[in-house]
Amino acid sequence: MKLLIFGMGFTGKALARAALRQGVEVAGTVRRREKLGSLTDDPALAGLELLSWPFSSADTALAGVTHLIATAPPAEPSATGGAPGFCDPLLAECSTQLRERAGALWTGYLSTTGVYGDHGGARVDEETPPAPSSPRSARRLESEREWQQSGLDPHIFRLPGIYGPGRSVLDQLRQGTARRIVKPGHVFSRIHVEDIAAAVLAAMALPPPGRLYNIADNEPAPNADVIAFGAGLLEMAPPPEIAFDEASLSEMALSFWQDNRRVSNTRARTELGWQPIYPTYREGLSAILAAGG
């Protein structure tokens, strides 16, 4: 087995660490040279093969690869620089070479639960029709469809808000940037980055391919509750509550608050035998703090 991770960001690195621990040969792509230090200096990534993106030769980069997971976000079609009409940067550059490996290559794509749009706090699962409410989520849905139409029979993993060591409300509280915004009835689903890695590895080990999975923890919750719990862990006073209508949020922040839904993880737990290591934000944040994060 050789796993190629397209996009060594926060989630890509967690997946690489988990796969390397299992003895899997792993390669990952890097676009910016300044990221190399954070990867080569991480002892948990010892043995990781780093590939520059864009590839100088796709055939060389893909040689020996048996499993591929794409984590990179979509781009505007005009920005991919490859085949016209593609949102996904990897398919834009390498769709021909990937199709030549159809049937012999396990593929996966990390998407977002944002493709479901707003459901007023109601439960959504993989049978819920997508209805993205922002251009960003619409591009994600288009990338999903590109992968599904690629002939590669990929797994699609839809992810909610991702947190983990170095990226959680604990960091925001320490930095003084956490805002305890209150919007009655509004909840967010979330997932610890290590639980994403565990779900992907479980899917790599089990047939059939071509399934859609929501990878979320067991308890959607108001963001204000998460911040208050994190403040308690740090033994500090929580930030004051701010009514949503008085929060003066940026356009980007507002796009996250316009959708309200509870993401079901039943299919992943049933079909993959996956259970989140951190079933709620409480276990996740407590573990981050206990590990010194």
C-alpha atoms as a PDB file:
ATOM      1  CA  MET A   1       0.000   0.000   0.000  1.00  0.00           C
ATOM      2  CA  LYS A   2       1.181   3.490  -0.862  1.00  0.00           C
ATOM      3  CA  LEU A   3      -0.985   6.469   0.071  1.00  0.00           C
ATOM      4  CA  LEU A   4      -0.721   9.809  -1.711  1.00  0.00           C
ATOM      5  CA  ILE A   5      -2.226  12.743   0.193  1.00  0.00           C
ATOM      6  CA  PHE A   6      -2.971  15.635  -2.118  1.00  0.00           C
ATOM      7  CA  GLY A   7      -2.642  18.666   0.150  1.00  0.00           C
ATOM      8  CA  MET A   8      -0.575  18.501   3.341  1.00  0.00           C
ATOM      9  CA  GLY A   9      -2.623  20.971   5.355  1.00  0.00           C
ATOM     10  CA  PHE A  10      -3.993  20.505   8.865  1.00  0.00           C
ATOM     11  CA  THR A  11      -6.050  17.417   7.992  1.00  0.00           C
ATOM     12  CA  GLY A  12      -3.527  16.014   5.523  1.00  0.00           C
ATOM     13  CA  LYS A  13      -0.818  16.027   8.174  1.00  0.00           C
ATOM     14  CA  ALA A  14      -3.049  14.246  10.705  1.00  0.00           C
ATOM     15  CA  LEU A  15      -3.869  11.573   8.135  1.00  0.00           C
ATOM     16  CA  ALA A  16      -0.195  11.149   7.242  1.00  0.00           C
ATOM     17  CA  ARG A  17       0.756  10.685  10.900  1.00  0.00           C
ATOM     18  CA  ALA A  18      -1.968   8.094  11.438  1.00  0.00           C
ATOM     19  CA  ALA A  19      -1.078   6.157   8.260  1.00  0.00           C
ATOM     20  CA  LEU A  20       2.648   6.174   9.041  1.00  0.00           C
ATOM     21  CA  ARG A  21       1.893   4.765  12.503  1.00  0.00           C
ATOM     22  CA  GLN A  22       0.181   1.850  10.767  1.00  0.00           C
ATOM     23  CA  GLY A  23       3.235   1.201   8.604  1.00  0.00           C
ATOM     24  CA  VAL A  24       1.738   2.623   5.401  1.00  0.00           C
ATOM     25  CA  GLU A  25       4.069   4.199   2.846  1.00  0.00           C
ATOM     26  CA  VAL A  26       2.931   7.825   2.516  1.00  0.00           C
ATOM     27  CA  ALA A  27       3.636  10.658   0.107  1.00  0.00           C
ATOM     28  CA  GLY A  28       2.172  14.156   0.289  1.00  0.00           C
ATOM     29  CA  THR A  29       2.084  17.210  -1.927  1.00  0.00           C
ATOM     30  CA  VAL A  30       3.358  20.653  -0.956  1.00  0.00           C
ATOM     31  CA  ARG A  31       2.775  23.816  -2.967  1.00  0.00           C
ATOM     32  CA  ARG A  32       4.611  26.392  -0.837  1.00  0.00           C
ATOM     33  CA  ARG A  33       8.268  25.891   0.028  1.00  0.00           C
ATOM     34  CA  GLU A  34       7.855  27.657   3.382  1.00  0.00           C
ATOM     35  CA  LYS A  35       5.724  24.726   4.608  1.00  0.00           C
ATOM     36  CA  LEU A  36       8.557  22.233   4.205  1.00  0.00           C
ATOM     37  CA  GLY A  37      10.105  23.002   7.589  1.00  0.00           C
ATOM     38  CA  SER A  38       6.933  22.218   9.545  1.00  0.00           C
ATOM     39  CA  LEU A  39       6.779  18.850   7.815  1.00  0.00           C
ATOM     40  CA  THR A  40      10.422  17.771   7.857  1.00  0.00           C
ATOM     41  CA  ASP A  41      10.857  18.834  11.496  1.00  0.00           C
ATOM     42  CA  ASP A  42       7.895  16.772  12.733  1.00  0.00           C
ATOM     43  CA  PRO A  43       9.199  13.421  14.072  1.00  0.00           C
ATOM     44  CA  ALA A  44       5.720  11.911  13.626  1.00  0.00           C
ATOM     45  CA  LEU A  45       6.122  12.482   9.873  1.00  0.00           C
ATOM     46  CA  ALA A  46       9.479  10.717   9.582  1.00  0.00           C
ATOM     47  CA  GLY A  47       9.440   8.687   6.387  1.00  0.00           C
ATOM     48  CA  LEU A  48       6.955  10.957   4.597  1.00  0.00           C
ATOM     49  CA  GLU A  49       7.837  11.482   0.929  1.00  0.00           C
ATOM     50  CA  LEU A  50       7.250  15.092  -0.112  1.00  0.00           C
ATOM     51  CA  LEU A  51       6.220  15.952  -3.664  1.00  0.00           C
ATOM     52  CA  SER A  52       6.134  19.438  -5.147  1.00  0.00           C
ATOM     53  CA  TRP A  53       2.858  20.589  -6.672  1.00  0.00           C
ATOM     54  CA  PRO A  54       2.222  21.092  -9.556  1.00  0.00           C
ATOM     55  CA  PHE A  55       3.861  17.812 -10.553  1.00  0.00           C
ATOM     56  CA  SER A  56       6.709  18.000 -13.042  1.00  0.00           C
ATOM     57  CA  SER A  57       5.580  14.533 -14.136  1.00  0.00           C
ATOM     58  CA  ALA A  58       2.220  13.126 -13.031  1.00  0.00           C
ATOM     59  CA  ASP A  59       3.218   9.614 -14.101  1.00  0.00           C
ATOM     60  CA  THR A  60       6.307   9.753 -11.888  1.00  0.00           C
ATOM     61  CA  ALA A  61       4.379  11.184  -8.919  1.00  0.00           C
ATOM     62  CA  LEU A  62       1.657   8.532  -9.195  1.00  0.00           C
ATOM     63  CA  ALA A  63       4.018   5.595  -9.687  1.00  0.00           C
ATOM     64  CA  GLY A  64       3.295   2.883  -7.130  1.00  0.00           C
ATOM     65  CA  VAL A  65       0.382   4.770  -5.562  1.00  0.00           C
ATOM     66  CA  THR A  66      -2.467   2.438  -4.532  1.00  0.00           C
ATOM     67  CA  HIS A  67      -4.544   4.898  -2.468  1.00  0.00           C
ATOM     68  CA  LEU A  68      -5.118   8.614  -3.029  1.00  0.00           C
ATOM     69  CA  ILE A  69      -6.985  11.137  -0.898  1.00  0.00           C
ATOM     70  CA  ALA A  70      -7.577  14.707  -2.068  1.00  0.00           C
ATOM     71  CA  THR A  71      -7.798  17.292   0.716  1.00  0.00           C
ATOM     72  CA  ALA A  72      -7.155  20.504  -1.231  1.00  0.00           C
ATOM     73  CA  PRO A  73     -10.038  22.965  -1.637  1.00  0.00           C
ATOM     74  CA  PRO A  74     -11.515  23.683  -5.050  1.00  0.00           C
ATOM     75  CA  ALA A  75     -10.456  26.645  -7.101  1.00  0.00           C
ATOM     76  CA  GLU A  76     -12.340  28.736  -9.583  1.00  0.00           C
ATOM     77  CA  PRO A  77     -12.224  26.848 -12.925  1.00  0.00           C
ATOM     78  CA  SER A  78     -10.211  29.654 -14.496  1.00  0.00           C
ATOM     79  CA  ALA A  79      -7.582  29.372 -11.733  1.00  0.00           C
ATOM     80  CA  THR A  80      -6.823  25.654 -12.027  1.00  0.00           C
ATOM     81  CA  GLY A  81      -4.618  26.141 -15.074  1.00  0.00           C
ATOM     82  CA  GLY A  82      -5.622  22.721 -16.366  1.00  0.00           C
ATOM     83  CA  ALA A  83      -8.556  21.122 -18.119  1.00  0.00           C
ATOM     84  CA  PRO A  84     -11.392  23.596 -18.694  1.00  0.00           C
ATOM     85  CA  GLY A  85     -14.381  23.394 -16.390  1.00  0.00           C
ATOM     86  CA  PHE A  86     -12.723  21.644 -13.437  1.00  0.00           C
ATOM     87  CA  CYS A  87     -13.074  23.055  -9.926  1.00  0.00           C
ATOM     88  CA  ASP A  88     -10.802  20.422  -8.398  1.00  0.00           C
ATOM     89  CA  PRO A  89      -7.106  21.247  -8.920  1.00  0.00           C
ATOM     90  CA  LEU A  90      -5.903  17.627  -9.000  1.00  0.00           C
ATOM     91  CA  LEU A  91      -8.462  16.542 -11.603  1.00  0.00           C
ATOM     92  CA  ALA A  92      -7.706  19.682 -13.611  1.00  0.00           C
ATOM     93  CA  GLU A  93      -4.070  18.633 -13.955  1.00  0.00           C
ATOM     94  CA  CYS A  94      -4.127  14.837 -13.776  1.00  0.00           C
ATOM     95  CA  SER A  95      -7.569  13.543 -14.808  1.00  0.00           C
ATOM     96  CA  THR A  96      -6.133  11.543 -17.728  1.00  0.00           C
ATOM     97  CA  GLN A  97      -3.417   9.871 -15.666  1.00  0.00           C
ATOM     98  CA  LEU A  98      -5.876   9.072 -12.880  1.00  0.00           C
ATOM     99  CA  ARG A  99      -8.448   7.557 -15.242  1.00  0.00           C
ATOM    100  CA  GLU A 100      -5.747   5.267 -16.607  1.00  0.00           C
ATOM    101  CA  ARG A 101      -5.500   3.811 -13.091  1.00  0.00           C
ATOM    102  CA  ALA A 102      -9.258   3.355 -12.596  1.00  0.00           C
ATOM    103  CA  GLY A 103     -10.001   0.038 -10.928  1.00  0.00           C
ATOM    104  CA  ALA A 104      -6.514  -0.211  -9.430  1.00  0.00           C
ATOM    105  CA  LEU A 105      -6.543   3.007  -7.401  1.00  0.00           C
ATOM    106  CA  TRP A 106      -8.589   3.680  -4.260  1.00  0.00           C
ATOM    107  CA  THR A 107      -9.593   7.350  -4.212  1.00  0.00           C
ATOM    108  CA  GLY A 108     -11.184   9.635  -1.657  1.00  0.00           C
ATOM    109  CA  TYR A 109     -12.183  13.289  -1.539  1.00  0.00           C
ATOM    110  CA  LEU A 110     -12.601  15.459   1.559  1.00  0.00           C
ATOM    111  CA  SER A 111     -15.608  17.731   1.130  1.00  0.00           C
ATOM    112  CA  THR A 112     -17.770  19.725   3.544  1.00  0.00           C
ATOM    113  CA  THR A 113     -21.156  19.370   5.199  1.00  0.00           C
ATOM    114  CA  GLY A 114     -21.675  22.921   3.974  1.00  0.00           C
ATOM    115  CA  VAL A 115     -23.093  21.395   0.772  1.00  0.00           C
ATOM    116  CA  TYR A 116     -26.326  20.624   2.704  1.00  0.00           C
ATOM    117  CA  GLY A 117     -27.053  24.319   3.279  1.00  0.00           C
ATOM    118  CA  ASP A 118     -29.423  25.542   5.976  1.00  0.00           C
ATOM    119  CA  HIS A 119     -31.951  23.174   7.589  1.00  0.00           C
ATOM    120  CA  GLY A 120     -33.076  25.284  10.533  1.00  0.00           C
ATOM    121  CA  GLY A 121     -31.337  23.033  13.046  1.00  0.00           C
ATOM    122  CA  ALA A 122     -32.840  19.810  11.651  1.00  0.00           C
ATOM    123  CA  ARG A 123     -30.887  16.582  11.197  1.00  0.00           C
ATOM    124  CA  VAL A 124     -29.179  15.879   7.859  1.00  0.00           C
ATOM    125  CA  ASP A 125     -27.714  12.618   6.590  1.00  0.00           C
ATOM    126  CA  GLU A 126     -26.209  11.356   3.351  1.00  0.00           C
ATOM    127  CA  GLU A 127     -29.656  11.037   1.749  1.00  0.00           C
ATOM    128  CA  THR A 128     -30.424  14.736   2.340  1.00  0.00           C
ATOM    129  CA  PRO A 129     -30.357  16.567  -1.023  1.00  0.00           C
ATOM    130  CA  PRO A 130     -27.528  19.130  -1.162  1.00  0.00           C
ATOM    131  CA  ALA A 131     -28.595  22.783  -1.228  1.00  0.00           C
ATOM    132  CA  PRO A 132     -25.455  24.892  -0.684  1.00  0.00           C
ATOM    133  CA  SER A 133     -26.150  28.439   0.429  1.00  0.00           C
ATOM    134  CA  SER A 134     -22.749  29.991  -0.347  1.00  0.00           C
ATOM    135  CA  PRO A 135     -20.532  30.072  -3.463  1.00  0.00           C
ATOM    136  CA  ARG A 136     -17.772  28.359  -1.466  1.00  0.00           C
ATOM    137  CA  SER A 137     -19.986  25.369  -0.643  1.00  0.00           C
ATOM    138  CA  ALA A 138     -21.348  25.289  -4.180  1.00  0.00           C
ATOM    139  CA  ARG A 139     -17.791  24.868  -5.491  1.00  0.00           C
ATOM    140  CA  ARG A 140     -17.279  22.002  -3.048  1.00  0.00           C
ATOM    141  CA  LEU A 141     -20.386  20.296  -4.369  1.00  0.00           C
ATOM    142  CA  GLU A 142     -19.174  20.784  -7.925  1.00  0.00           C
ATOM    143  CA  SER A 143     -15.828  19.208  -6.979  1.00  0.00           C
ATOM    144  CA  GLU A 144     -17.694  16.245  -5.463  1.00  0.00           C
ATOM    145  CA  ARG A 145     -19.540  15.763  -8.730  1.00  0.00           C
ATOM    146  CA  GLU A 146     -16.325  15.959 -10.721  1.00  0.00           C
ATOM    147  CA  TRP A 147     -14.862  13.161  -8.621  1.00  0.00           C
ATOM    148  CA  GLN A 148     -18.049  11.108  -8.874  1.00  0.00           C
ATOM    149  CA  GLN A 149     -18.019  11.495 -12.670  1.00  0.00           C
ATOM    150  CA  SER A 150     -14.293  10.766 -12.975  1.00  0.00           C
ATOM    151  CA  GLY A 151     -14.689   7.002 -13.413  1.00  0.00           C
ATOM    152  CA  LEU A 152     -12.610   6.416 -10.259  1.00  0.00           C
ATOM    153  CA  ASP A 153     -15.508   5.436  -7.956  1.00  0.00           C
ATOM    154  CA  PRO A 154     -14.293   7.628  -5.065  1.00  0.00           C
ATOM    155  CA  HIS A 155     -15.342   7.822  -1.450  1.00  0.00           C
ATOM    156  CA  ILE A 156     -16.640  11.283  -0.538  1.00  0.00           C
ATOM    157  CA  PHE A 157     -16.158  12.393   3.079  1.00  0.00           C
ATOM    158  CA  ARG A 158     -18.247  15.402   4.156  1.00  0.00           C
ATOM    159  CA  LEU A 159     -16.705  17.207   7.116  1.00  0.00           C
ATOM    160  CA  PRO A 160     -18.100  19.868   9.494  1.00  0.00           C
ATOM    161  CA  GLY A 161     -15.951  22.289  11.522  1.00  0.00           C
ATOM    162  CA  ILE A 162     -12.508  20.745  12.071  1.00  0.00           C
ATOM    163  CA  TYR A 163     -10.527  21.248  15.263  1.00  0.00           C
ATOM    164  CA  GLY A 164      -7.486  19.704  16.917  1.00  0.00           C
ATOM    165  CA  PRO A 165      -4.159  20.559  18.579  1.00  0.00           C
ATOM    166  CA  GLY A 166      -3.169  24.068  17.561  1.00  0.00           C
ATOM    167  CA  ARG A 167      -6.592  24.827  16.092  1.00  0.00           C
ATOM    168  CA  SER A 168      -9.305  24.955  18.730  1.00  0.00           C
ATOM    169  CA  VAL A 169     -11.174  27.336  21.012  1.00  0.00           C
ATOM    170  CA  LEU A 170      -8.369  26.818  23.549  1.00  0.00           C
ATOM    171  CA  ASP A 171      -6.014  28.676  21.210  1.00  0.00           C
ATOM    172  CA  GLN A 172      -8.596  31.402  20.618  1.00  0.00           C
ATOM    173  CA  LEU A 173      -9.139  31.836  24.361  1.00  0.00           C
ATOM    174  CA  ARG A 174      -5.407  32.098  25.067  1.00  0.00           C
ATOM    175  CA  GLN A 175      -4.997  34.621  22.256  1.00  0.00           C
ATOM    176  CA  GLY A 176      -7.971  36.655  23.443  1.00  0.00           C
ATOM    177  CA  THR A 177      -9.810  36.270  20.112  1.00  0.00           C
ATOM    178  CA  ALA A 178     -12.650  33.974  21.240  1.00  0.00           C
ATOM    179  CA  ARG A 179     -16.120  35.544  20.971  1.00  0.00           C
ATOM    180  CA  ARG A 180     -19.061  33.897  22.767  1.00  0.00           C
ATOM    181  CA  ILE A 181     -21.760  34.717  20.245  1.00  0.00           C
ATOM    182  CA  VAL A 182     -25.279  33.638  21.178  1.00  0.00           C
ATOM    183  CA  LYS A 183     -27.857  32.816  18.530  1.00  0.00           C
ATOM    184  CA  PRO A 184     -30.768  30.911  20.131  1.00  0.00           C
ATOM    185  CA  GLY A 185     -31.431  27.526  18.530  1.00  0.00           C
ATOM    186  CA  HIS A 186     -28.277  27.603  16.410  1.00  0.00           C
ATOM    187  CA  VAL A 187     -25.832  24.685  16.543  1.00  0.00           C
ATOM    188  CA  PHE A 188     -22.643  23.648  14.767  1.00  0.00           C
ATOM    189  CA  SER A 189     -21.390  20.139  14.110  1.00  0.00           C
ATOM    190  CA  ARG A 190     -17.664  19.562  14.468  1.00  0.00           C
ATOM    191  CA  ILE A 191     -15.025  16.834  14.261  1.00  0.00           C
ATOM    192  CA  HIS A 192     -11.592  16.283  15.776  1.00  0.00           C
ATOM    193  CA  VAL A 193      -8.920  15.980  13.082  1.00  0.00           C
ATOM    194  CA  GLU A 194      -7.730  12.613  14.439  1.00  0.00           C
ATOM    195  CA  ASP A 195     -11.246  11.222  14.001  1.00  0.00           C
ATOM    196  CA  ILE A 196     -11.165  12.233  10.327  1.00  0.00           C
ATOM    197  CA  ALA A 197      -7.925  10.300   9.877  1.00  0.00           C
ATOM    198  CA  ALA A 198      -9.389   7.244  11.605  1.00  0.00           C
ATOM    199  CA  ALA A 199     -12.484   7.305   9.388  1.00  0.00           C
ATOM    200  CA  VAL A 200     -10.471   7.587   6.173  1.00  0.00           C
ATOM    201  CA  LEU A 201      -8.196   4.713   7.172  1.00  0.00           C
ATOM    202  CA  ALA A 202     -11.233   2.602   8.059  1.00  0.00           C
ATOM    203  CA  ALA A 203     -12.749   3.275   4.630  1.00  0.00           C
ATOM    204  CA  MET A 204      -9.462   2.365   2.924  1.00  0.00           C
ATOM    205  CA  ALA A 205      -9.564  -1.040   4.588  1.00  0.00           C
ATOM    206  CA  LEU A 206     -13.162  -1.971   3.749  1.00  0.00           C
ATOM    207  CA  PRO A 207     -15.154  -2.345   0.519  1.00  0.00           C
ATOM    208  CA  PRO A 208     -17.165  -1.157  -1.263  1.00  0.00           C
ATOM    209  CA  PRO A 209     -15.752   2.008  -2.819  1.00  0.00           C
ATOM    210  CA  GLY A 210     -17.810   4.902  -4.025  1.00  0.00           C
ATOM    211  CA  ARG A 211     -19.689   5.709  -0.801  1.00  0.00           C
ATOM    212  CA  LEU A 212     -20.607   9.043   0.744  1.00  0.00           C
ATOM    213  CA  TYR A 213     -19.961   9.539   4.464  1.00  0.00           C
ATOM    214  CA  ASN A 214     -20.598  12.320   6.956  1.00  0.00           C
ATOM    215  CA  ILE A 215     -17.712  12.365   9.443  1.00  0.00           C
ATOM    216  CA  ALA A 216     -18.940  14.316  12.465  1.00  0.00           C
ATOM    217  CA  ASP A 217     -18.940  13.813  16.216  1.00  0.00           C
ATOM    218  CA  ASN A 218     -22.013  12.799  18.189  1.00  0.00           C
ATOM    219  CA  GLU A 219     -23.131  16.143  19.583  1.00  0.00           C
ATOM    220  CA  PRO A 220     -23.862  19.276  17.547  1.00  0.00           C
ATOM    221  CA  ALA A 221     -23.678  22.191  19.968  1.00  0.00           C
ATOM    222  CA  PRO A 222     -23.896  25.983  20.186  1.00  0.00           C
ATOM    223  CA  ASN A 223     -20.522  27.633  19.711  1.00  0.00           C
ATOM    224  CA  ALA A 224     -21.024  29.629  22.926  1.00  0.00           C
ATOM    225  CA  ASP A 225     -21.225  26.375  24.918  1.00  0.00           C
ATOM    226  CA  VAL A 226     -17.944  25.139  23.436  1.00  0.00           C
ATOM    227  CA  ILE A 227     -16.163  28.378  24.289  1.00  0.00           C
ATOM    228  CA  ALA A 228     -17.536  28.354  27.855  1.00  0.00           C
ATOM    229  CA  PHE A 229     -16.348  24.761  28.346  1.00  0.00           C
ATOM    230  CA  GLY A 230     -12.906  25.600  26.974  1.00  0.00           C
ATOM    231  CA  ALA A 231     -12.635  28.567  29.312  1.00  0.00           C
ATOM    232  CA  GLY A 232     -13.463  26.281  32.216  1.00  0.00           C
ATOM    233  CA  LEU A 233     -10.663  23.909  31.197  1.00  0.00           C
ATOM    234  CA  LEU A 234      -8.220  26.822  31.157  1.00  0.00           C
ATOM    235  CA  GLU A 235      -9.571  28.066  34.500  1.00  0.00           C
ATOM    236  CA  MET A 236     -10.330  31.467  33.051  1.00  0.00           C
ATOM    237  CA  ALA A 237     -13.488  33.532  32.885  1.00  0.00           C
ATOM    238  CA  PRO A 238     -15.381  32.962  29.638  1.00  0.00           C
ATOM    239  CA  PRO A 239     -15.746  35.930  27.281  1.00  0.00           C
ATOM    240  CA  PRO A 240     -18.979  37.886  27.725  1.00  0.00           C
ATOM    241  CA  GLU A 241     -21.971  36.777  25.710  1.00  0.00           C
ATOM    242  CA  ILE A 242     -22.651  38.748  22.536  1.00  0.00           C
ATOM    243  CA  ALA A 243     -26.037  38.647  20.824  1.00  0.00           C
ATOM    244  CA  PHE A 244     -25.687  37.487  17.229  1.00  0.00           C
ATOM    245  CA  ASP A 245     -27.395  40.611  15.880  1.00  0.00           C
ATOM    246  CA  GLU A 246     -24.815  42.771  17.666  1.00  0.00           C
ATOM    247  CA  ALA A 247     -21.716  40.757  16.762  1.00  0.00           C
ATOM    248  CA  SER A 248     -20.650  42.754  13.653  1.00  0.00           C
ATOM    249  CA  LEU A 249     -19.346  39.661  11.889  1.00  0.00           C
ATOM    250  CA  SER A 250     -17.300  39.711   8.693  1.00  0.00           C
ATOM    251  CA  GLU A 251     -18.832  38.443   5.478  1.00  0.00           C
ATOM    252  CA  MET A 252     -16.818  35.233   5.780  1.00  0.00           C
ATOM    253  CA  ALA A 253     -17.951  34.665   9.385  1.00  0.00           C
ATOM    254  CA  LEU A 254     -21.567  35.343   8.482  1.00  0.00           C
ATOM    255  CA  SER A 255     -21.398  32.645   5.809  1.00  0.00           C
ATOM    256  CA  PHE A 256     -20.705  30.067   8.541  1.00  0.00           C
ATOM    257  CA  TRP A 257     -23.554  31.296  10.720  1.00  0.00           C
ATOM    258  CA  GLN A 258     -26.190  31.322   7.975  1.00  0.00           C
ATOM    259  CA  ASP A 259     -26.490  27.512   8.032  1.00  0.00           C
ATOM    260  CA  ASN A 260     -27.963  25.615  10.989  1.00  0.00           C
ATOM    261  CA  ARG A 261     -28.069  21.801  10.878  1.00  0.00           C
ATOM    262  CA  ARG A 262     -27.318  18.678  12.910  1.00  0.00           C
ATOM    263  CA  VAL A 263     -25.081  16.282  10.982  1.00  0.00           C
ATOM    264  CA  SER A 264     -25.736  12.558  11.415  1.00  0.00           C
ATOM    265  CA  ASN A 265     -22.753  10.177  11.485  1.00  0.00           C
ATOM    266  CA  THR A 266     -24.854   6.973  11.579  1.00  0.00           C
ATOM    267  CA  ARG A 267     -23.745   5.624   8.187  1.00  0.00           C
ATOM    268  CA  ALA A 268     -20.028   5.943   8.987  1.00  0.00           C
ATOM    269  CA  ARG A 269     -20.461   4.260  12.360  1.00  0.00           C
ATOM    270  CA  THR A 270     -22.587   1.460  10.881  1.00  0.00           C
ATOM    271  CA  GLU A 271     -20.711   0.708   7.654  1.00  0.00           C
ATOM    272  CA  LEU A 272     -17.117   1.492   8.632  1.00  0.00           C
ATOM    273  CA  GLY A 273     -17.213   0.280  12.212  1.00  0.00           C
ATOM    274  CA  TRP A 274     -15.898   3.746  13.058  1.00  0.00           C
ATOM    275  CA  GLN A 275     -16.575   5.409  16.377  1.00  0.00           C
ATOM    276  CA  PRO A 276     -15.230   8.873  17.105  1.00  0.00           C
ATOM    277  CA  ILE A 277     -12.361   8.801  19.568  1.00  0.00           C
ATOM    278  CA  TYR A 278     -13.713  12.142  20.771  1.00  0.00           C
ATOM    279  CA  PRO A 279     -17.504  11.751  20.670  1.00  0.00           C
ATOM    280  CA  THR A 280     -18.108  15.360  21.773  1.00  0.00           C
ATOM    281  CA  TYR A 281     -16.149  18.589  22.031  1.00  0.00           C
ATOM    282  CA  ARG A 282     -15.681  17.910  25.751  1.00  0.00           C
ATOM    283  CA  GLU A 283     -13.503  14.844  25.215  1.00  0.00           C
ATOM    284  CA  GLY A 284     -11.710  16.485  22.303  1.00  0.00           C
ATOM    285  CA  LEU A 285     -10.775  19.696  24.104  1.00  0.00           C
ATOM    286  CA  SER A 286      -9.878  17.856  27.299  1.00  0.00           C
ATOM    287  CA  ALA A 287      -7.483  15.606  25.359  1.00  0.00           C
ATOM    288  CA  ILE A 288      -5.859  18.561  23.619  1.00  0.00           C
ATOM    289  CA  LEU A 289      -5.223  20.260  26.946  1.00  0.00           C
ATOM    290  CA  ALA A 290      -3.980  17.067  28.612  1.00  0.00           C
ATOM    291  CA  ALA A 291      -1.434  16.637  25.798  1.00  0.00           C
ATOM    292  CA  GLY A 292      -0.144  20.171  26.374  1.00  0.00           C
ATOM    293  CA  GLY A 293      -1.996  21.820  23.505  1.00  0.00           C
END
